Protein backbone atom coordinates (compact mmCIF):
# COMPACT_ATOMS: atom_id res chain seq x y z
CA MET A 1 -1.56 -11.90 -19.75
CA TRP A 2 1.87 -13.51 -19.88
CA PHE A 3 2.58 -16.95 -18.46
CA PHE A 4 3.65 -17.23 -14.83
CA GLY A 5 7.39 -16.63 -14.82
CA SER A 6 7.77 -15.10 -18.29
CA LYS A 7 9.39 -11.67 -18.51
CA GLY A 8 7.51 -8.50 -19.39
CA ALA A 9 8.80 -5.27 -20.96
CA SER A 10 10.65 -4.28 -17.76
CA GLY A 11 12.83 -7.38 -17.97
CA PHE A 12 11.24 -8.76 -14.80
CA SER A 13 8.58 -11.41 -14.15
CA SER A 14 6.39 -12.94 -11.46
CA ARG A 15 9.46 -14.96 -10.42
CA SER A 16 11.65 -11.88 -9.81
CA THR A 17 12.45 -11.10 -6.18
CA ALA A 18 12.57 -7.71 -4.44
CA GLU A 19 16.37 -7.92 -4.29
CA GLU A 20 16.61 -8.73 -8.01
CA VAL A 21 14.41 -5.82 -9.17
CA THR A 22 16.42 -3.33 -7.06
CA HIS A 23 19.87 -4.76 -7.84
CA GLY A 24 22.46 -1.99 -8.14
CA ILE A 25 20.03 0.77 -7.10
CA ASP A 26 21.29 3.18 -4.43
CA GLY A 27 18.53 4.52 -2.21
CA THR A 28 20.86 6.41 0.14
CA GLY A 29 19.34 9.71 1.23
CA LEU A 30 15.75 8.55 0.69
CA THR A 31 13.24 8.19 3.53
CA ALA A 32 10.27 5.83 3.23
CA ILE A 33 7.22 4.99 5.31
CA VAL A 34 6.05 1.38 4.93
CA THR A 35 2.68 0.65 6.56
CA GLY A 36 2.17 -2.87 7.87
CA ALA A 37 5.93 -3.45 7.92
CA SER A 38 5.87 -6.09 10.67
CA SER A 39 4.32 -8.98 8.73
CA GLY A 40 4.27 -10.67 5.33
CA ILE A 41 5.55 -8.72 2.34
CA GLY A 42 5.76 -5.55 4.47
CA VAL A 43 8.77 -7.04 6.30
CA GLU A 44 10.55 -7.92 3.07
CA THR A 45 9.74 -4.50 1.57
CA ALA A 46 11.26 -2.77 4.63
CA ARG A 47 14.31 -5.09 4.56
CA VAL A 48 15.09 -4.62 0.86
CA LEU A 49 14.58 -0.84 0.97
CA ALA A 50 16.93 -0.71 3.99
CA LEU A 51 19.39 -2.95 2.14
CA ARG A 52 19.46 -0.34 -0.66
CA GLY A 53 20.26 2.43 1.83
CA VAL A 54 16.75 3.86 2.35
CA HIS A 55 15.85 5.12 5.84
CA VAL A 56 12.67 3.12 6.55
CA VAL A 57 9.99 4.14 9.02
CA MET A 58 7.99 1.02 9.86
CA ALA A 59 4.41 2.14 10.57
CA VAL A 60 2.89 -0.74 12.53
CA ARG A 61 -0.09 -1.49 14.76
CA ASN A 62 1.98 -3.49 17.24
CA THR A 63 5.28 -1.77 18.06
CA GLY A 64 6.42 -4.82 20.05
CA SER A 65 6.40 -7.10 17.01
CA GLY A 66 7.64 -4.18 14.89
CA GLY A 67 10.66 -3.84 17.19
CA LYS A 68 11.46 -7.55 16.82
CA VAL A 69 11.28 -7.31 13.02
CA LYS A 70 13.58 -4.27 13.14
CA GLN A 71 16.14 -6.27 15.17
CA ASP A 72 15.94 -9.16 12.69
CA ILE A 73 16.52 -6.82 9.74
CA VAL A 74 19.47 -5.08 11.41
CA LYS A 75 21.06 -8.51 12.01
CA GLN A 76 20.77 -9.26 8.28
CA VAL A 77 21.56 -5.73 7.08
CA PRO A 78 24.15 -4.18 9.40
CA GLY A 79 23.87 -0.40 9.26
CA ALA A 80 20.19 -0.50 8.23
CA LYS A 81 18.37 2.70 9.15
CA LEU A 82 14.99 1.74 10.61
CA ASP A 83 12.51 3.36 12.96
CA VAL A 84 9.31 1.87 14.36
CA MET A 85 6.23 4.04 14.87
CA GLU A 86 2.73 3.09 15.94
CA LEU A 87 -0.08 3.31 13.40
CA ASP A 88 -3.52 1.71 13.46
CA LEU A 89 -5.05 2.44 10.05
CA SER A 90 -8.55 1.48 11.23
CA SER A 91 -8.51 4.47 13.60
CA MET A 92 -8.49 8.00 12.22
CA GLU A 93 -7.28 9.27 15.59
CA SER A 94 -4.26 6.96 15.32
CA VAL A 95 -3.58 8.07 11.72
CA ARG A 96 -3.71 11.73 12.78
CA LYS A 97 -1.40 11.09 15.74
CA PHE A 98 1.09 9.23 13.53
CA ALA A 99 1.15 12.05 10.96
CA SER A 100 1.50 14.67 13.68
CA ASP A 101 4.37 12.75 15.37
CA TYR A 102 6.08 12.21 12.01
CA LYS A 103 5.96 15.92 11.19
CA SER A 104 7.15 16.84 14.69
CA ALA A 105 10.17 14.57 14.19
CA GLY A 106 11.10 16.77 11.23
CA LEU A 107 11.75 13.79 8.98
CA PRO A 108 11.72 14.13 5.17
CA LEU A 109 9.49 11.79 3.14
CA ASN A 110 10.35 10.56 -0.34
CA LEU A 111 8.44 7.28 -0.53
CA LEU A 112 5.05 6.41 0.97
CA ILE A 113 4.28 2.70 0.70
CA ASN A 114 0.63 2.08 1.59
CA ASN A 115 1.10 -1.65 2.15
CA ALA A 116 -0.95 -2.65 5.20
CA GLY A 117 -4.24 -4.45 4.78
CA ILE A 118 -6.76 -6.92 6.12
CA MET A 119 -8.56 -9.45 3.96
CA ALA A 120 -12.00 -11.04 3.85
CA CYS A 121 -12.81 -10.59 7.53
CA PRO A 122 -16.32 -11.02 8.93
CA PHE A 123 -18.47 -7.87 9.08
CA MET A 124 -17.02 -5.51 11.68
CA LEU A 125 -16.99 -1.78 12.24
CA SER A 126 -13.89 0.33 12.87
CA LYS A 127 -13.48 2.64 15.86
CA ASP A 128 -15.00 5.33 13.64
CA ASN A 129 -18.01 3.11 12.81
CA ILE A 130 -17.01 2.34 9.24
CA GLU A 131 -16.86 -1.17 7.74
CA LEU A 132 -13.45 -2.48 8.75
CA GLN A 133 -11.95 -3.43 5.35
CA PHE A 134 -12.97 -0.12 3.75
CA ALA A 135 -11.72 1.75 6.85
CA THR A 136 -8.36 -0.02 7.09
CA ASN A 137 -7.41 -0.76 3.49
CA HIS A 138 -8.64 2.45 1.87
CA LEU A 139 -9.75 5.21 4.23
CA GLY A 140 -6.82 5.00 6.66
CA HIS A 141 -4.35 5.20 3.80
CA PHE A 142 -6.35 7.98 2.13
CA LEU A 143 -6.13 10.08 5.30
CA LEU A 144 -2.47 9.21 5.94
CA THR A 145 -1.53 10.26 2.40
CA LYS A 146 -3.51 13.48 2.68
CA LEU A 147 -1.85 14.44 5.97
CA LEU A 148 1.69 13.69 4.72
CA LEU A 149 1.38 15.17 1.24
CA ASP A 150 2.82 18.59 2.14
CA THR A 151 5.82 16.88 3.76
CA MET A 152 6.35 14.91 0.54
CA LYS A 153 6.02 18.04 -1.60
CA ASN A 154 8.57 19.91 0.56
CA THR A 155 10.97 16.95 0.44
CA SER A 156 10.76 16.59 -3.34
CA ARG A 157 11.35 20.34 -3.76
CA GLU A 158 14.26 20.54 -1.31
CA SER A 159 15.97 17.32 -2.44
CA ASN A 160 15.15 17.77 -6.12
CA ARG A 161 14.20 14.06 -6.19
CA GLU A 162 10.92 12.56 -7.33
CA GLY A 163 8.58 11.47 -4.55
CA ARG A 164 6.64 8.23 -5.02
CA ILE A 165 3.37 7.08 -3.49
CA VAL A 166 2.67 3.36 -3.86
CA ASN A 167 -0.75 1.85 -3.09
CA LEU A 168 -0.91 -1.90 -2.71
CA SER A 169 -4.11 -3.03 -4.36
CA SER A 170 -4.93 -6.55 -5.56
CA GLU A 171 -6.34 -8.37 -8.58
CA ALA A 172 -9.29 -8.81 -6.19
CA HIS A 173 -10.24 -5.25 -7.24
CA ARG A 174 -11.95 -7.02 -10.18
CA PHE A 175 -14.34 -8.77 -7.77
CA SER A 176 -15.94 -5.87 -5.94
CA TYR A 177 -19.71 -5.46 -5.69
CA PRO A 178 -21.43 -5.15 -9.13
CA GLU A 179 -21.73 -1.37 -8.74
CA GLY A 180 -18.03 -1.08 -7.85
CA VAL A 181 -18.25 1.12 -4.78
CA ARG A 182 -21.37 1.07 -2.59
CA PHE A 183 -21.38 4.64 -1.39
CA ASP A 184 -24.78 4.32 0.29
CA LYS A 185 -24.20 0.82 1.64
CA ILE A 186 -20.67 0.87 3.02
CA ASN A 187 -22.00 -0.26 6.41
CA ASP A 188 -24.82 -2.50 5.21
CA LYS A 189 -24.37 -5.69 7.19
CA SER A 190 -27.27 -7.59 5.57
CA SER A 191 -25.75 -7.57 2.06
CA TYR A 192 -22.11 -7.74 3.22
CA SER A 193 -19.80 -10.13 1.39
CA SER A 194 -16.32 -10.43 2.94
CA MET A 195 -14.61 -11.02 -0.42
CA ARG A 196 -16.57 -8.36 -2.32
CA ALA A 197 -15.92 -5.85 0.48
CA TYR A 198 -12.22 -6.68 0.17
CA GLY A 199 -12.47 -6.19 -3.61
CA GLN A 200 -14.22 -2.86 -3.07
CA SER A 201 -11.43 -1.61 -0.77
CA LYS A 202 -8.80 -2.74 -3.31
CA LEU A 203 -10.67 -1.02 -6.17
CA CYS A 204 -10.59 2.14 -4.06
CA ASN A 205 -6.79 1.80 -3.70
CA VAL A 206 -6.45 2.00 -7.52
CA LEU A 207 -8.96 4.84 -7.85
CA HIS A 208 -7.25 6.76 -5.01
CA ALA A 209 -3.82 6.47 -6.70
CA ASN A 210 -5.26 7.55 -10.06
CA GLU A 211 -7.04 10.64 -8.73
CA LEU A 212 -3.97 11.50 -6.65
CA ALA A 213 -1.76 11.20 -9.76
CA LYS A 214 -4.08 13.57 -11.63
CA GLN A 215 -4.11 16.15 -8.82
CA LEU A 216 -0.32 16.01 -8.35
CA LYS A 217 0.19 16.51 -12.08
CA GLU A 218 -2.15 19.52 -12.11
CA ASP A 219 -0.30 20.84 -9.07
CA GLY A 220 3.07 20.53 -10.81
CA ALA A 221 4.38 18.43 -7.93
CA ASN A 222 7.33 16.12 -8.59
CA ILE A 223 5.50 13.16 -7.02
CA THR A 224 4.02 10.09 -8.69
CA ALA A 225 1.20 7.85 -7.46
CA ASN A 226 0.73 4.28 -8.65
CA SER A 227 -1.04 1.12 -7.55
CA LEU A 228 -0.13 -2.54 -7.85
CA HIS A 229 -1.02 -6.17 -7.33
CA PRO A 230 1.76 -7.90 -5.36
CA GLY A 231 0.68 -11.37 -6.46
CA ALA A 232 -0.99 -14.20 -4.61
CA ILE A 233 1.16 -14.92 -1.60
CA MET A 234 0.57 -17.19 1.36
CA THR A 235 0.71 -14.66 4.19
CA ASN A 236 -1.45 -14.26 7.27
CA LEU A 237 -3.62 -11.83 5.28
CA GLY A 238 -5.82 -14.86 4.60
CA ARG A 239 -6.21 -15.73 8.28
CA TYR A 240 -9.99 -15.51 8.03
CA PHE A 241 -10.16 -18.27 5.41
CA ASN A 242 -11.45 -21.59 6.71
CA SER A 243 -8.96 -24.43 7.11
CA TYR A 244 -10.44 -26.57 4.30
CA LEU A 245 -10.02 -23.74 1.82
CA ALA A 246 -6.52 -23.00 3.10
CA GLY A 247 -5.60 -26.67 2.57
CA ALA A 248 -6.98 -26.67 -0.97
CA VAL A 249 -5.10 -23.47 -1.77
CA GLY A 250 -1.95 -24.97 -0.28
CA ALA A 251 -2.13 -27.95 -2.63
CA VAL A 252 -1.79 -25.78 -5.73
CA ALA A 253 0.23 -23.09 -4.00
CA LYS A 254 3.65 -24.11 -5.23
CA TYR A 255 2.52 -23.70 -8.85
CA VAL A 256 0.83 -20.32 -8.68
CA LEU A 257 1.65 -18.61 -5.40
CA LYS A 258 4.63 -16.33 -4.93
CA THR A 259 7.20 -16.49 -2.19
CA VAL A 260 7.40 -13.45 0.09
CA PRO A 261 10.58 -12.14 -1.68
CA GLN A 262 8.69 -12.42 -5.00
CA GLY A 263 5.60 -10.85 -3.42
CA ALA A 264 7.52 -7.74 -2.34
CA ALA A 265 9.18 -7.31 -5.75
CA THR A 266 6.59 -5.13 -7.50
CA THR A 267 6.40 -2.75 -4.52
CA CYS A 268 10.18 -2.32 -4.44
CA TYR A 269 10.31 -1.97 -8.22
CA VAL A 270 7.66 0.77 -8.31
CA ALA A 271 9.24 2.52 -5.29
CA LEU A 272 12.87 2.54 -6.44
CA HIS A 273 13.45 1.59 -10.07
CA PRO A 274 14.62 4.29 -12.52
CA GLN A 275 12.37 2.72 -15.23
CA VAL A 276 9.38 4.02 -13.24
CA ALA A 277 10.61 7.64 -13.10
CA GLY A 278 7.79 9.98 -14.18
CA VAL A 279 5.32 7.11 -14.53
CA THR A 280 2.13 7.95 -12.67
CA GLY A 281 -1.50 6.81 -12.43
CA GLU A 282 -0.57 3.29 -13.56
CA TYR A 283 -1.35 -0.18 -12.23
CA PHE A 284 1.53 -2.66 -11.95
CA LEU A 285 1.63 -6.45 -11.84
CA ASP A 286 4.79 -8.61 -11.73
CA SER A 287 6.99 -5.48 -11.96
CA ASN A 288 5.34 -4.44 -15.24
CA ILE A 289 2.57 -2.01 -16.18
CA ALA A 290 -0.72 -3.90 -16.48
CA LYS A 291 -4.36 -3.17 -17.23
CA PRO A 292 -6.74 -2.94 -14.27
CA LEU A 293 -10.51 -3.34 -14.49
CA SER A 294 -11.95 -0.64 -16.78
CA LEU A 295 -13.97 0.67 -13.80
CA ALA A 296 -10.64 1.33 -12.02
CA LYS A 297 -9.76 3.79 -14.83
CA ASP A 298 -13.07 5.66 -14.50
CA SER A 299 -11.99 9.21 -13.61
CA GLU A 300 -15.49 10.25 -12.52
CA LEU A 301 -15.70 7.32 -10.11
CA ALA A 302 -12.18 8.15 -8.84
CA LYS A 303 -13.28 11.73 -8.08
CA LYS A 304 -16.45 10.48 -6.40
CA VAL A 305 -14.42 8.10 -4.18
CA TRP A 306 -12.05 10.98 -3.38
CA ASP A 307 -14.87 13.35 -2.36
CA PHE A 308 -16.65 10.61 -0.39
CA SER A 309 -13.42 9.74 1.45
CA ALA A 310 -12.59 13.39 2.13
CA LYS A 311 -16.05 13.89 3.61
CA LEU A 312 -15.75 10.79 5.82
CA THR A 313 -12.31 11.75 7.10
CA ASP A 314 -13.24 15.41 7.61
CA SER A 315 -16.38 14.50 9.55
CA GLN A 316 -14.17 12.58 12.02
CA SER A 317 -11.93 15.59 12.45
CA GLY A 318 -11.57 15.54 16.20
CA GLU A 319 -8.04 16.81 15.74
CA SER A 320 -6.10 17.80 18.80
CA SER A 321 -3.33 19.20 16.63
CA SER A 322 -2.30 18.93 13.02
């Protein structure tokens, strides 16, 4: 592990900003979906992609606040191409509706940035009766990716440009439950730990990207799938932390925490940088390839998570239309 601020092989570091890692890159002609684009690093990711000429579809739970963010970005980046669409990742019905509306709009899709997330919340169930962090952080993105994959494949074929899927994980993936993924206890309230459940969902983000990378390779598709840790950033993701802890974190924050522009850097790097062309099934940290937990590289576990997730999303298949 390099020191905070020292450069890795890519020439970038934890101090690099999203603008710096995409400097000189022209994203004109690319279309991206960024989930959770109305708060935290999602806003900066959408802004910097738009700044580089990418048409950004902001997939947000609250279209009112999404619309305000869009206006703010357009003020800063005149000519930015941005659309706001409603997406609640904790609801499979909402994910299906979003995917259906997106396809109906006939939009291409080059980049899928699975950014949205909730962190360390008390035990709650989603609308589909699945533990909320697993449902929102992993399962919603799993289903969204599955439903948009054909659109991405068509776009990469027609445009002859590599498609990229980017899963935002976290170093917290190292602090899941001891068994990694609790397939039989996803909804077990009695042994629920808010931080371990968060870690479990983030471990699944890495495993999902890895299995996806493997399947896309076997399929011969010109699409990569990678995961990353954006860095520790003070955003409202930690809104469930108590105030004492938040104060303690704040005291050391300026030494170890990233700013939002630094926090969005690795996402923008993995989404746009030519250095990442053809790189797939990797885990990135500070705009460099890094080593995740060995369990995150377990291909059998990745396949098990994939099958488990497919079963859960298929069993909720009350589709009105696809």
